[in-house]
Amino acid sequence: MRRKELRIMVCEYDAVAELPEADQKLLLAAREATKNAYAPYSKFCVGAALLLENGEVIAGSNQENADFTDGLCAERVALFYANSTYPDQAVKAIAVTAKNANGIVENPAQPCGSCRQVLVETESRYNNSIRLILDGRKHIQVLEGADNLLPFAFKPKDLE
């Protein structure tokens, strides 16, 4: 038997103003994107904003459906749009926020498992790490790379 230790590095900020300026702008774009969420069933509005290598900011919001399995998360809406519109531009950073009836959720918004896997695939596609900015009312978490969210991800090299 071998024992291995996993370490997840995360930086926590108490307010948007404490973030670097580029992260502030991206997070505010994600908050703005929540206004476009279609969430009539859950009332849980999620916004995501991506910063691409060319400086473009792409926003997405969750889109629900009465058959819950047919909806799509804000992160994947933004990632798929960016990958199809700017196929040669790597994603440098993503900000994610969520609101419910009480406003921004208390703890940092967390991408679901499917979104985490798509983030890993996007990193592999462009051979670069994505900065993750996760918004919450109590604090904001910043992580470098999707491996910090999904350390045992299925990766394209696993197909070789």
Protein backbone atom coordinates (compact mmCIF):
# COMPACT_ATOMS: atom_id res chain seq x y z
CA MET A 1 0.00 0.00 0.00
CA ARG A 2 1.14 3.51 -0.82
CA ARG A 3 -0.29 6.58 0.75
CA LYS A 4 -0.39 9.86 -1.14
CA GLU A 5 -1.38 13.27 0.04
CA LEU A 6 -3.41 15.70 -2.05
CA ARG A 7 -3.09 19.41 -1.49
CA ILE A 8 -5.51 21.92 -2.86
CA MET A 9 -4.30 25.48 -2.92
CA VAL A 10 -6.94 28.17 -2.59
CA CYS A 11 -6.72 31.88 -1.88
CA GLU A 12 -9.64 33.47 -0.06
CA TYR A 13 -10.65 37.11 -0.28
CA ASP A 14 -13.23 38.87 1.86
CA ALA A 15 -14.36 41.37 -0.77
CA VAL A 16 -14.27 41.98 -4.52
CA ALA A 17 -12.09 45.06 -3.95
CA GLU A 18 -9.30 42.82 -2.59
CA LEU A 19 -9.01 40.91 -5.89
CA PRO A 20 -6.60 41.92 -8.64
CA GLU A 21 -8.30 44.32 -11.07
CA ALA A 22 -8.71 41.75 -13.88
CA ASP A 23 -10.39 39.32 -11.47
CA GLN A 24 -12.69 42.07 -10.21
CA LYS A 25 -13.86 42.86 -13.75
CA LEU A 26 -14.43 39.20 -14.55
CA LEU A 27 -16.37 38.60 -11.34
CA LEU A 28 -18.57 41.63 -11.96
CA ALA A 29 -19.25 40.33 -15.50
CA ALA A 30 -20.31 36.99 -13.99
CA ARG A 31 -22.63 38.78 -11.57
CA GLU A 32 -24.13 40.70 -14.48
CA ALA A 33 -24.64 37.42 -16.38
CA THR A 34 -26.92 36.10 -13.61
CA LYS A 35 -29.53 38.57 -14.91
CA ASN A 36 -29.80 36.46 -18.09
CA ALA A 37 -30.32 33.16 -16.27
CA TYR A 38 -33.44 31.22 -17.12
CA ALA A 39 -34.18 29.57 -13.79
CA PRO A 40 -37.97 29.47 -13.34
CA TYR A 41 -37.85 26.14 -11.47
CA SER A 42 -34.93 26.41 -9.07
CA LYS A 43 -34.83 30.22 -8.76
CA PHE A 44 -31.06 29.68 -8.55
CA CYS A 45 -29.41 32.06 -11.04
CA VAL A 46 -25.82 31.32 -11.98
CA GLY A 47 -23.49 33.50 -14.02
CA ALA A 48 -20.08 32.72 -15.46
CA ALA A 49 -17.59 34.92 -17.27
CA LEU A 50 -14.47 33.79 -19.11
CA LEU A 51 -11.37 35.74 -19.97
CA LEU A 52 -9.85 34.50 -23.21
CA GLU A 53 -6.22 34.80 -24.26
CA ASN A 54 -7.16 37.52 -26.78
CA GLY A 55 -8.77 39.65 -24.04
CA GLU A 56 -12.38 38.82 -24.97
CA VAL A 57 -14.79 38.27 -22.08
CA ILE A 58 -17.51 35.69 -22.69
CA ALA A 59 -20.46 35.43 -20.32
CA GLY A 60 -22.95 32.65 -19.79
CA SER A 61 -25.88 31.93 -17.52
CA ASN A 62 -27.69 28.78 -16.49
CA GLN A 63 -30.58 27.74 -18.71
CA GLU A 64 -33.13 25.43 -17.09
CA ASN A 65 -35.73 23.18 -18.66
CA ALA A 66 -38.82 21.51 -17.19
CA ASP A 67 -36.95 18.23 -17.76
CA PHE A 68 -34.06 19.15 -15.47
CA THR A 69 -31.58 16.95 -17.34
CA ASP A 70 -31.94 19.13 -20.44
CA GLY A 71 -30.79 22.35 -18.78
CA LEU A 72 -27.25 23.64 -18.93
CA CYS A 73 -24.99 25.26 -16.37
CA ALA A 74 -23.61 28.78 -16.81
CA GLU A 75 -20.03 27.53 -16.93
CA ARG A 76 -20.66 25.16 -19.84
CA VAL A 77 -22.78 27.73 -21.70
CA ALA A 78 -19.83 30.13 -21.58
CA LEU A 79 -17.14 27.51 -22.26
CA PHE A 80 -18.93 25.93 -25.22
CA TYR A 81 -19.71 29.32 -26.74
CA ALA A 82 -16.09 30.45 -26.33
CA ASN A 83 -14.69 27.20 -27.74
CA SER A 84 -16.97 27.32 -30.77
CA THR A 85 -16.63 31.06 -31.46
CA TYR A 86 -12.92 31.45 -30.66
CA PRO A 87 -11.54 27.92 -31.20
CA ASP A 88 -7.93 29.12 -31.22
CA GLN A 89 -8.13 31.15 -27.98
CA ALA A 90 -7.29 29.58 -24.64
CA VAL A 91 -9.38 30.35 -21.58
CA LYS A 92 -7.22 32.19 -19.06
CA ALA A 93 -9.78 32.58 -16.24
CA ILE A 94 -13.38 31.92 -15.29
CA ALA A 95 -15.48 33.63 -12.63
CA VAL A 96 -18.61 31.94 -11.29
CA THR A 97 -21.33 33.41 -9.10
CA ALA A 98 -24.80 32.34 -8.02
CA LYS A 99 -27.83 34.14 -6.61
CA ASN A 100 -30.93 32.90 -4.87
CA ALA A 101 -33.83 34.79 -3.28
CA ASN A 102 -31.40 36.17 -0.65
CA GLY A 103 -28.87 37.53 -3.19
CA ILE A 104 -25.38 36.15 -3.79
CA VAL A 105 -25.05 32.73 -2.18
CA GLU A 106 -23.27 32.65 1.16
CA ASN A 107 -20.46 30.25 0.26
CA PRO A 108 -18.47 30.40 -2.99
CA ALA A 109 -20.35 29.04 -6.01
CA GLN A 110 -18.97 25.67 -7.03
CA PRO A 111 -19.07 24.19 -10.54
CA CYS A 112 -20.88 20.86 -10.75
CA GLY A 113 -19.03 17.67 -11.68
CA SER A 114 -19.83 17.98 -15.39
CA CYS A 115 -18.58 21.57 -15.46
CA ARG A 116 -15.41 20.54 -13.64
CA GLN A 117 -14.77 17.87 -16.27
CA VAL A 118 -15.34 20.37 -19.10
CA LEU A 119 -12.91 22.78 -17.42
CA VAL A 120 -10.29 20.00 -17.30
CA GLU A 121 -10.91 19.21 -20.98
CA THR A 122 -10.57 22.89 -21.89
CA GLU A 123 -7.26 23.09 -20.03
CA SER A 124 -6.04 19.99 -21.88
CA ARG A 125 -7.25 21.34 -25.23
CA TYR A 126 -5.16 24.50 -24.91
CA ASN A 127 -2.43 23.08 -22.67
CA ASN A 128 -2.89 25.79 -20.06
CA SER A 129 -4.24 26.18 -16.57
CA ILE A 130 -7.45 28.16 -15.95
CA ARG A 131 -7.71 30.59 -13.03
CA LEU A 132 -11.00 29.96 -11.17
CA ILE A 133 -12.72 32.78 -9.26
CA LEU A 134 -15.63 31.49 -7.19
CA ASP A 135 -17.95 34.09 -5.69
CA GLY A 136 -19.71 33.95 -2.34
CA ARG A 137 -21.13 36.47 0.11
CA LYS A 138 -18.86 35.26 2.94
CA HIS A 139 -15.73 35.15 0.81
CA ILE A 140 -14.35 34.64 -2.69
CA GLN A 141 -12.11 31.69 -3.51
CA VAL A 142 -9.44 31.76 -6.22
CA LEU A 143 -7.80 28.57 -7.45
CA GLU A 144 -5.19 28.01 -10.14
CA GLY A 145 -6.29 25.15 -12.34
CA ALA A 146 -9.23 22.77 -12.56
CA ASP A 147 -7.16 20.00 -10.95
CA ASN A 148 -7.79 21.83 -7.69
CA LEU A 149 -11.52 21.17 -8.20
CA LEU A 150 -11.25 17.70 -9.74
CA PRO A 151 -7.93 16.08 -8.84
CA PHE A 152 -8.79 12.67 -10.34
CA ALA A 153 -10.27 13.95 -13.60
CA PHE A 154 -10.60 11.88 -16.73
CA LYS A 155 -8.13 13.44 -19.19
CA PRO A 156 -7.74 13.11 -22.96
CA LYS A 157 -4.34 11.44 -22.47
CA ASP A 158 -6.23 8.62 -20.69
CA LEU A 159 -7.61 7.65 -24.12
CA GLU A 160 -4.17 7.00 -25.57
